Every structure is written in C-alpha cells, then in structure tokens.
Amino acid sequence: MIRLEDSIKVDAPAESVFQWLAQRMRDRESYRAWHPDHVDLRWIKGEPLQEGAVVYAEERLHGRLHKLKFRITRVVPNRLIAYRSLFPLSLLAPENRVITEPNGEHRCTFAASASLRVPRWLFERHHPGQIEGALQHMREEGQNLKRAVESLGAARG
C-alpha cells in the first residue's frame, strides 16, 4: 500500500484553519483560489462537507488533468475531513484525510493524507513521476493554506 502524507505547522488556531479550508471547498472560485492547479469543484449530492455528500473536482496533477468524484465519509468540525473516491477508483484509493491538530493556543498542524492499494513499485512502473507529483501538490496546498491563514490572522491582529 502507498501512503502519501504531508503536514505543515500553521500559526493559527485549528478552528481558523478548518474554517478557511471549508470555505475553499464551497465552490469553484474558492477552490481555484487555493491552488493554481485546481480547476473545478461542484457538489453534486448533498451539502458541502456533510457526511454522505458527493463532490466532483478537477485538478492538474503531474501535468495531467484529473476528473474525480469523492464521497465525504466523516467530518469532525474543526478537526477532520475524511473522503473516498467513488467507484471504480475507490478500489485503488480507499481514503483521503485532512486534519487540523491543535498545537498550543494559537497554533496547529495541518496534515493531508491519501492511500493507494497497490504496491509502490508496480504503481511507479506504470505511472512514473505521479507519486512525486501528487506529493508536491499536497505540499503546495499546505503552504498556500499556511500563507493565507496566517496573513488573515496578521490582518486581524
């Protein structure tokens, strides 16, 4: 199994990070503002970030456009969003998560993870460079989130 993970420390409360993230997941324009490789986002069933809701997203990863559908499987306000790909991708990609973990009064760690049910050597043989491209995208999302949330805090302070 392949596990992709990235985390970044943010000088802001977990609640602020989670709220910023939830706002980025509301609509296409907000989603695109998070990362230049985000192309589209539409909620096709249910309300944004509600368990059972289904979202359609388009992202450029490792230079290719990916059209994805996810079901929100678990939401813990100010803490966790878990989601999984819909069939047939769900056979290979069982779960993704974003977590905001408090680290003191006004600090937290933002972490993202994804997993694939396939041996790394086999995946890399058929999809060279895609793991590194996905990890780079995850890092950039975390860096963009950190920059945006911390600048909001500085503007308020």
N, C-alpha and C. Protein backbone atom coordinates (compact mmCIF):
# COMPACT_ATOMS: atom_id res chain seq x y z
N MET A 1 0.85 -1.18 0.00
CA MET A 1 0.00 0.00 0.00
C MET A 1 0.90 1.24 0.00
N ILE A 2 0.47 2.23 -0.74
CA ILE A 2 1.17 3.51 -0.81
C ILE A 2 0.43 4.50 0.09
N ARG A 3 1.19 5.20 0.91
CA ARG A 3 0.60 6.22 1.79
C ARG A 3 1.30 7.53 1.48
N LEU A 4 0.53 8.51 1.02
CA LEU A 4 1.06 9.85 0.75
C LEU A 4 0.65 10.75 1.90
N GLU A 5 1.62 11.44 2.49
CA GLU A 5 1.32 12.29 3.64
C GLU A 5 2.15 13.56 3.57
N ASP A 6 1.55 14.63 4.04
CA ASP A 6 2.28 15.89 4.18
C ASP A 6 1.65 16.66 5.33
N SER A 7 2.47 17.42 6.03
CA SER A 7 1.94 18.26 7.11
C SER A 7 2.75 19.54 7.20
N ILE A 8 2.11 20.54 7.78
CA ILE A 8 2.77 21.84 7.94
C ILE A 8 2.24 22.49 9.20
N LYS A 9 3.12 23.16 9.92
CA LYS A 9 2.71 23.89 11.13
C LYS A 9 2.18 25.25 10.71
N VAL A 10 1.06 25.64 11.33
CA VAL A 10 0.40 26.90 10.99
C VAL A 10 0.25 27.72 12.26
N ASP A 11 0.64 28.98 12.20
CA ASP A 11 0.49 29.88 13.35
C ASP A 11 -0.92 30.47 13.35
N ALA A 12 -1.86 29.61 13.65
CA ALA A 12 -3.28 29.98 13.73
C ALA A 12 -4.00 28.84 14.45
N PRO A 13 -5.11 29.14 15.11
CA PRO A 13 -5.87 28.06 15.76
C PRO A 13 -6.43 27.08 14.74
N ALA A 14 -6.59 25.83 15.16
CA ALA A 14 -7.14 24.79 14.29
C ALA A 14 -8.50 25.20 13.74
N GLU A 15 -9.30 25.89 14.54
CA GLU A 15 -10.63 26.33 14.10
C GLU A 15 -10.54 27.27 12.90
N SER A 16 -9.56 28.17 12.92
CA SER A 16 -9.38 29.12 11.81
C SER A 16 -8.94 28.41 10.54
N VAL A 17 -8.05 27.43 10.70
CA VAL A 17 -7.58 26.66 9.55
C VAL A 17 -8.73 25.86 8.95
N PHE A 18 -9.50 25.21 9.80
CA PHE A 18 -10.62 24.39 9.34
C PHE A 18 -11.66 25.27 8.62
N GLN A 19 -11.96 26.43 9.18
CA GLN A 19 -12.93 27.34 8.56
C GLN A 19 -12.43 27.82 7.20
N TRP A 20 -11.14 28.14 7.10
CA TRP A 20 -10.57 28.57 5.82
C TRP A 20 -10.69 27.44 4.80
N LEU A 21 -10.35 26.22 5.23
CA LEU A 21 -10.43 25.06 4.35
C LEU A 21 -11.87 24.81 3.91
N ALA A 22 -12.81 24.88 4.83
CA ALA A 22 -14.22 24.67 4.50
C ALA A 22 -14.68 25.71 3.47
N GLN A 23 -14.20 26.94 3.59
CA GLN A 23 -14.57 27.98 2.62
C GLN A 23 -14.00 27.65 1.24
N ARG A 24 -12.79 27.09 1.18
CA ARG A 24 -12.19 26.73 -0.12
C ARG A 24 -12.97 25.60 -0.78
N MET A 25 -13.70 24.82 0.01
CA MET A 25 -14.44 23.68 -0.53
C MET A 25 -15.90 24.01 -0.84
N ARG A 26 -16.28 25.26 -0.79
CA ARG A 26 -17.67 25.66 -1.05
C ARG A 26 -18.03 25.68 -2.53
N ASP A 27 -17.13 26.24 -3.36
CA ASP A 27 -17.47 26.43 -4.77
C ASP A 27 -16.20 26.51 -5.62
N ARG A 28 -16.41 26.56 -6.90
CA ARG A 28 -15.31 26.54 -7.87
C ARG A 28 -14.31 27.68 -7.65
N GLU A 29 -14.79 28.91 -7.50
CA GLU A 29 -13.90 30.06 -7.38
C GLU A 29 -13.04 29.97 -6.12
N SER A 30 -13.66 29.58 -5.02
CA SER A 30 -12.91 29.44 -3.76
C SER A 30 -11.88 28.32 -3.87
N TYR A 31 -12.26 27.23 -4.50
CA TYR A 31 -11.36 26.10 -4.68
C TYR A 31 -10.17 26.48 -5.54
N ARG A 32 -10.43 27.19 -6.62
CA ARG A 32 -9.36 27.62 -7.53
C ARG A 32 -8.42 28.61 -6.85
N ALA A 33 -8.92 29.39 -5.90
CA ALA A 33 -8.07 30.35 -5.19
C ALA A 33 -7.05 29.66 -4.28
N TRP A 34 -7.31 28.41 -3.92
CA TRP A 34 -6.40 27.69 -3.03
C TRP A 34 -5.11 27.28 -3.74
N HIS A 35 -5.22 26.79 -4.96
CA HIS A 35 -4.05 26.25 -5.67
C HIS A 35 -4.24 26.47 -7.17
N PRO A 36 -3.20 26.92 -7.88
CA PRO A 36 -3.35 27.18 -9.32
C PRO A 36 -3.69 25.94 -10.16
N ASP A 37 -3.44 24.75 -9.63
CA ASP A 37 -3.77 23.53 -10.37
C ASP A 37 -5.18 23.03 -10.09
N HIS A 38 -5.94 23.72 -9.23
CA HIS A 38 -7.34 23.38 -9.01
C HIS A 38 -8.15 24.01 -10.13
N VAL A 39 -8.95 23.21 -10.81
CA VAL A 39 -9.68 23.66 -12.00
C VAL A 39 -11.17 23.84 -11.72
N ASP A 40 -11.80 22.87 -11.07
CA ASP A 40 -13.25 22.93 -10.88
C ASP A 40 -13.63 22.17 -9.61
N LEU A 41 -14.76 22.57 -9.03
CA LEU A 41 -15.32 21.87 -7.88
C LEU A 41 -16.82 22.12 -7.88
N ARG A 42 -17.58 21.02 -7.81
CA ARG A 42 -19.05 21.11 -7.76
C ARG A 42 -19.58 20.06 -6.80
N TRP A 43 -20.50 20.45 -5.96
CA TRP A 43 -21.18 19.50 -5.07
C TRP A 43 -22.35 18.92 -5.86
N ILE A 44 -22.32 17.61 -6.11
CA ILE A 44 -23.35 17.00 -6.95
C ILE A 44 -24.41 16.25 -6.14
N LYS A 45 -24.16 16.07 -4.85
CA LYS A 45 -25.16 15.45 -3.98
C LYS A 45 -24.90 15.95 -2.56
N GLY A 46 -25.93 16.43 -1.91
CA GLY A 46 -25.78 16.87 -0.53
C GLY A 46 -25.18 18.26 -0.41
N GLU A 47 -24.96 18.64 0.82
CA GLU A 47 -24.40 19.96 1.13
C GLU A 47 -22.88 19.85 1.32
N PRO A 48 -22.15 20.93 1.04
CA PRO A 48 -20.70 20.89 1.20
C PRO A 48 -20.27 20.41 2.58
N LEU A 49 -19.32 19.49 2.56
CA LEU A 49 -18.69 18.95 3.77
C LEU A 49 -19.66 18.33 4.77
N GLN A 50 -20.71 17.72 4.25
CA GLN A 50 -21.62 16.94 5.08
C GLN A 50 -21.38 15.46 4.78
N GLU A 51 -21.40 14.63 5.80
CA GLU A 51 -21.19 13.21 5.58
C GLU A 51 -22.21 12.67 4.58
N GLY A 52 -21.71 11.92 3.60
CA GLY A 52 -22.55 11.38 2.54
C GLY A 52 -22.61 12.25 1.29
N ALA A 53 -22.21 13.50 1.39
CA ALA A 53 -22.23 14.40 0.23
C ALA A 53 -21.20 13.93 -0.80
N VAL A 54 -21.47 14.22 -2.07
CA VAL A 54 -20.57 13.83 -3.16
C VAL A 54 -20.12 15.10 -3.88
N VAL A 55 -18.81 15.17 -4.11
CA VAL A 55 -18.22 16.33 -4.77
C VAL A 55 -17.46 15.88 -6.01
N TYR A 56 -17.55 16.70 -7.05
CA TYR A 56 -16.79 16.49 -8.29
C TYR A 56 -15.67 17.53 -8.30
N ALA A 57 -14.45 17.09 -8.55
CA ALA A 57 -13.32 18.02 -8.59
C ALA A 57 -12.44 17.72 -9.80
N GLU A 58 -11.86 18.77 -10.34
CA GLU A 58 -10.86 18.64 -11.39
C GLU A 58 -9.59 19.31 -10.90
N GLU A 59 -8.47 18.59 -11.04
CA GLU A 59 -7.16 19.11 -10.65
C GLU A 59 -6.13 18.68 -11.67
N ARG A 60 -5.13 19.53 -11.84
CA ARG A 60 -3.98 19.13 -12.64
C ARG A 60 -2.95 18.57 -11.66
N LEU A 61 -2.61 17.31 -11.86
CA LEU A 61 -1.59 16.65 -11.05
C LEU A 61 -0.53 16.10 -12.00
N HIS A 62 0.72 16.36 -11.69
CA HIS A 62 1.86 15.91 -12.51
C HIS A 62 1.63 16.21 -13.99
N GLY A 63 1.04 17.39 -14.27
CA GLY A 63 0.85 17.85 -15.64
C GLY A 63 -0.38 17.32 -16.37
N ARG A 64 -1.19 16.49 -15.71
CA ARG A 64 -2.38 15.92 -16.35
C ARG A 64 -3.63 16.32 -15.59
N LEU A 65 -4.71 16.54 -16.35
CA LEU A 65 -6.00 16.88 -15.74
C LEU A 65 -6.66 15.60 -15.23
N HIS A 66 -7.06 15.64 -13.97
CA HIS A 66 -7.76 14.51 -13.35
C HIS A 66 -9.17 14.95 -12.98
N LYS A 67 -10.16 14.15 -13.36
CA LYS A 67 -11.57 14.40 -13.04
C LYS A 67 -11.97 13.37 -12.00
N LEU A 68 -12.32 13.85 -10.80
CA LEU A 68 -12.50 12.96 -9.66
C LEU A 68 -13.84 13.19 -8.98
N LYS A 69 -14.40 12.13 -8.42
CA LYS A 69 -15.60 12.23 -7.58
C LYS A 69 -15.29 11.59 -6.24
N PHE A 70 -15.69 12.30 -5.18
CA PHE A 70 -15.44 11.84 -3.82
C PHE A 70 -16.71 11.87 -3.01
N ARG A 71 -16.82 10.97 -2.04
CA ARG A 71 -17.89 10.98 -1.05
C ARG A 71 -17.26 11.36 0.29
N ILE A 72 -17.88 12.32 0.96
CA ILE A 72 -17.43 12.69 2.30
C ILE A 72 -17.88 11.59 3.25
N THR A 73 -16.94 10.97 3.94
CA THR A 73 -17.26 9.84 4.81
C THR A 73 -17.32 10.22 6.29
N ARG A 74 -16.59 11.26 6.66
CA ARG A 74 -16.59 11.66 8.07
C ARG A 74 -16.14 13.10 8.20
N VAL A 75 -16.83 13.84 9.03
CA VAL A 75 -16.45 15.21 9.33
C VAL A 75 -16.49 15.39 10.84
N VAL A 76 -15.39 15.84 11.40
CA VAL A 76 -15.34 16.24 12.80
C VAL A 76 -15.02 17.73 12.76
N PRO A 77 -15.99 18.59 13.07
CA PRO A 77 -15.78 20.03 12.93
C PRO A 77 -14.49 20.50 13.61
N ASN A 78 -13.79 21.36 12.89
CA ASN A 78 -12.53 21.96 13.34
C ASN A 78 -11.39 20.96 13.51
N ARG A 79 -11.57 19.76 12.96
CA ARG A 79 -10.57 18.72 13.21
C ARG A 79 -10.28 17.81 12.00
N LEU A 80 -11.33 17.25 11.35
CA LEU A 80 -11.10 16.19 10.36
C LEU A 80 -12.13 16.23 9.24
N ILE A 81 -11.64 15.99 8.01
CA ILE A 81 -12.49 15.70 6.86
C ILE A 81 -11.92 14.45 6.22
N ALA A 82 -12.71 13.39 6.17
CA ALA A 82 -12.30 12.14 5.51
C ALA A 82 -13.19 11.95 4.30
N TYR A 83 -12.60 11.50 3.20
CA TYR A 83 -13.37 11.30 1.97
C TYR A 83 -12.72 10.19 1.16
N ARG A 84 -13.56 9.56 0.33
CA ARG A 84 -13.05 8.49 -0.50
C ARG A 84 -13.51 8.66 -1.93
N SER A 85 -12.70 8.17 -2.85
CA SER A 85 -13.05 8.20 -4.26
C SER A 85 -14.26 7.31 -4.51
N LEU A 86 -15.03 7.64 -5.53
CA LEU A 86 -16.14 6.79 -5.92
C LEU A 86 -15.63 5.70 -6.87
N PHE A 87 -16.43 4.65 -7.02
CA PHE A 87 -16.12 3.52 -7.89
C PHE A 87 -15.90 4.03 -9.32
N PRO A 88 -14.93 3.54 -10.04
CA PRO A 88 -14.06 2.40 -9.76
C PRO A 88 -12.76 2.77 -9.04
N LEU A 89 -12.43 4.08 -8.96
CA LEU A 89 -11.18 4.49 -8.32
C LEU A 89 -11.11 4.07 -6.86
N SER A 90 -12.27 3.92 -6.21
CA SER A 90 -12.30 3.52 -4.80
C SER A 90 -11.64 2.15 -4.57
N LEU A 91 -11.58 1.33 -5.60
CA LEU A 91 -10.91 0.03 -5.48
C LEU A 91 -9.42 0.20 -5.19
N LEU A 92 -8.84 1.28 -5.73
CA LEU A 92 -7.40 1.54 -5.55
C LEU A 92 -7.11 2.60 -4.50
N ALA A 93 -8.04 3.52 -4.30
CA ALA A 93 -7.80 4.66 -3.41
C ALA A 93 -8.86 4.68 -2.32
N PRO A 94 -8.63 3.97 -1.21
CA PRO A 94 -9.68 3.80 -0.21
C PRO A 94 -10.00 5.03 0.64
N GLU A 95 -9.01 5.90 0.92
CA GLU A 95 -9.34 7.01 1.80
C GLU A 95 -8.33 8.15 1.69
N ASN A 96 -8.87 9.35 1.86
CA ASN A 96 -8.09 10.58 1.94
C ASN A 96 -8.54 11.31 3.19
N ARG A 97 -7.65 12.09 3.78
CA ARG A 97 -8.00 12.84 5.00
C ARG A 97 -7.27 14.16 5.02
N VAL A 98 -7.91 15.14 5.63
CA VAL A 98 -7.24 16.35 6.06
C VAL A 98 -7.56 16.54 7.53
N ILE A 99 -6.54 16.90 8.28
CA ILE A 99 -6.67 17.00 9.74
C ILE A 99 -6.06 18.32 10.20
N THR A 100 -6.73 18.97 11.13
CA THR A 100 -6.16 20.12 11.82
C THR A 100 -5.98 19.72 13.28
N GLU A 101 -4.73 19.66 13.70
CA GLU A 101 -4.37 19.20 15.04
C GLU A 101 -3.85 20.38 15.85
N PRO A 102 -4.55 20.77 16.93
CA PRO A 102 -4.08 21.89 17.75
C PRO A 102 -2.69 21.62 18.34
N ASN A 103 -1.85 22.66 18.34
CA ASN A 103 -0.51 22.60 18.94
C ASN A 103 -0.33 23.85 19.79
N GLY A 104 -1.07 23.95 20.84
CA GLY A 104 -0.99 25.15 21.66
C GLY A 104 -2.20 26.02 21.41
N GLU A 105 -2.19 27.20 22.01
CA GLU A 105 -3.37 28.05 21.97
C GLU A 105 -3.68 28.63 20.58
N HIS A 106 -2.66 29.05 19.85
CA HIS A 106 -2.88 29.70 18.55
C HIS A 106 -2.03 29.06 17.45
N ARG A 107 -1.83 27.76 17.57
CA ARG A 107 -1.04 27.04 16.56
C ARG A 107 -1.69 25.69 16.30
N CYS A 108 -1.42 25.18 15.09
CA CYS A 108 -1.90 23.84 14.77
C CYS A 108 -1.03 23.24 13.68
N THR A 109 -1.25 21.98 13.43
CA THR A 109 -0.64 21.29 12.30
C THR A 109 -1.75 20.93 11.34
N PHE A 110 -1.55 21.28 10.08
CA PHE A 110 -2.46 20.88 9.02
C PHE A 110 -1.81 19.68 8.33
N ALA A 111 -2.53 18.57 8.25
CA ALA A 111 -1.99 17.36 7.64
C ALA A 111 -2.96 16.83 6.59
N ALA A 112 -2.41 16.35 5.49
CA ALA A 112 -3.20 15.72 4.44
C ALA A 112 -2.61 14.35 4.16
N SER A 113 -3.48 13.39 3.87
CA SER A 113 -3.00 12.05 3.55
C SER A 113 -3.92 11.40 2.52
N ALA A 114 -3.33 10.50 1.77
CA ALA A 114 -4.06 9.71 0.78
C ALA A 114 -3.40 8.34 0.72
N SER A 115 -4.16 7.34 0.35
CA SER A 115 -3.58 6.00 0.25
C SER A 115 -4.04 5.32 -1.03
N LEU A 116 -3.19 4.42 -1.51
CA LEU A 116 -3.47 3.62 -2.70
C LEU A 116 -3.20 2.16 -2.37
N ARG A 117 -4.14 1.30 -2.76
CA ARG A 117 -3.98 -0.15 -2.52
C ARG A 117 -3.24 -0.81 -3.67
N VAL A 118 -2.01 -0.48 -3.81
CA VAL A 118 -1.19 -1.09 -4.86
C VAL A 118 0.26 -0.97 -4.41
N PRO A 119 1.09 -1.96 -4.71
CA PRO A 119 2.50 -1.83 -4.33
C PRO A 119 3.15 -0.64 -5.03
N ARG A 120 3.99 0.06 -4.30
CA ARG A 120 4.63 1.27 -4.85
C ARG A 120 5.40 0.96 -6.14
N TRP A 121 6.16 -0.13 -6.16
CA TRP A 121 6.96 -0.45 -7.34
C TRP A 121 6.08 -0.65 -8.57
N LEU A 122 4.91 -1.26 -8.38
CA LEU A 122 4.01 -1.52 -9.51
C LEU A 122 3.39 -0.22 -10.01
N PHE A 123 2.96 0.62 -9.09
CA PHE A 123 2.38 1.90 -9.47
C PHE A 123 3.41 2.75 -10.21
N GLU A 124 4.62 2.84 -9.66
CA GLU A 124 5.66 3.67 -10.29
C GLU A 124 6.07 3.13 -11.66
N ARG A 125 5.98 1.84 -11.82
CA ARG A 125 6.33 1.24 -13.13
C ARG A 125 5.36 1.70 -14.22
N HIS A 126 4.08 1.80 -13.86
CA HIS A 126 3.06 2.18 -14.85
C HIS A 126 2.75 3.68 -14.85
N HIS A 127 3.11 4.36 -13.78
CA HIS A 127 2.81 5.80 -13.66
C HIS A 127 4.03 6.55 -13.12
N PRO A 128 5.12 6.57 -13.87
CA PRO A 128 6.35 7.19 -13.35
C PRO A 128 6.14 8.68 -13.04
N GLY A 129 6.66 9.10 -11.90
CA GLY A 129 6.62 10.50 -11.50
C GLY A 129 5.32 10.96 -10.86
N GLN A 130 4.29 10.13 -10.89
CA GLN A 130 2.99 10.59 -10.38
C GLN A 130 2.95 10.67 -8.86
N ILE A 131 3.65 9.81 -8.17
CA ILE A 131 3.67 9.89 -6.70
C ILE A 131 4.35 11.18 -6.28
N GLU A 132 5.50 11.47 -6.87
CA GLU A 132 6.21 12.71 -6.53
C GLU A 132 5.38 13.93 -6.89
N GLY A 133 4.68 13.88 -8.03
CA GLY A 133 3.82 14.99 -8.43
C GLY A 133 2.67 15.21 -7.46
N ALA A 134 2.07 14.13 -6.99
CA ALA A 134 0.98 14.23 -6.03
C ALA A 134 1.48 14.78 -4.69
N LEU A 135 2.65 14.32 -4.25
CA LEU A 135 3.23 14.83 -3.00
C LEU A 135 3.56 16.32 -3.12
N GLN A 136 4.09 16.73 -4.25
CA GLN A 136 4.39 18.14 -4.46
C GLN A 136 3.12 18.98 -4.40
N HIS A 137 2.04 18.50 -5.00
CA HIS A 137 0.76 19.19 -4.97
C HIS A 137 0.26 19.31 -3.53
N MET A 138 0.35 18.24 -2.76
CA MET A 138 -0.07 18.27 -1.36
C MET A 138 0.75 19.29 -0.57
N ARG A 139 2.06 19.33 -0.80
CA ARG A 139 2.93 20.29 -0.11
C ARG A 139 2.52 21.72 -0.44
N GLU A 140 2.27 21.96 -1.73
CA GLU A 140 1.88 23.31 -2.17
C GLU A 140 0.54 23.72 -1.57
N GLU A 141 -0.41 22.79 -1.50
CA GLU A 141 -1.70 23.10 -0.86
C GLU A 141 -1.48 23.52 0.59
N GLY A 142 -0.65 22.79 1.32
CA GLY A 142 -0.36 23.13 2.72
C GLY A 142 0.32 24.48 2.84
N GLN A 143 1.28 24.75 1.97
CA GLN A 143 1.99 26.03 2.01
C GLN A 143 1.05 27.19 1.68
N ASN A 144 0.19 26.99 0.69
CA ASN A 144 -0.78 28.04 0.32
C ASN A 144 -1.76 28.30 1.46
N LEU A 145 -2.24 27.22 2.09
CA LEU A 145 -3.14 27.35 3.23
C LEU A 145 -2.45 28.12 4.36
N LYS A 146 -1.24 27.74 4.71
CA LYS A 146 -0.48 28.39 5.78
C LYS A 146 -0.34 29.89 5.50
N ARG A 147 0.11 30.22 4.31
CA ARG A 147 0.31 31.63 3.93
C ARG A 147 -0.99 32.42 4.05
N ALA A 148 -2.08 31.85 3.54
CA ALA A 148 -3.37 32.55 3.54
C ALA A 148 -3.92 32.73 4.95
N VAL A 149 -3.91 31.65 5.74
CA VAL A 149 -4.49 31.72 7.09
C VAL A 149 -3.66 32.63 7.99
N GLU A 150 -2.35 32.52 7.90
CA GLU A 150 -1.50 33.37 8.74
C GLU A 150 -1.62 34.84 8.35
N SER A 151 -1.78 35.12 7.05
CA SER A 151 -1.96 36.53 6.65
C SER A 151 -3.30 37.07 7.12
N LEU A 152 -4.32 36.23 7.17
CA LEU A 152 -5.61 36.67 7.73
C LEU A 152 -5.47 37.02 9.21
N GLY A 153 -4.74 36.19 9.95
CA GLY A 153 -4.50 36.44 11.36
C GLY A 153 -3.73 37.72 11.58
N ALA A 154 -2.72 37.98 10.73
CA ALA A 154 -1.93 39.21 10.86
C ALA A 154 -2.77 40.42 10.54
N ALA A 155 -3.68 40.29 9.57
CA ALA A 155 -4.55 41.42 9.20
C ALA A 155 -5.53 41.73 10.33
N ARG A 156 -5.96 40.69 11.07
CA ARG A 156 -6.90 40.91 12.18
C ARG A 156 -6.19 41.47 13.41
N GLY A 157 -4.90 41.07 13.57
CA GLY A 157 -4.16 41.44 14.76
C GLY A 157 -3.74 42.85 14.74
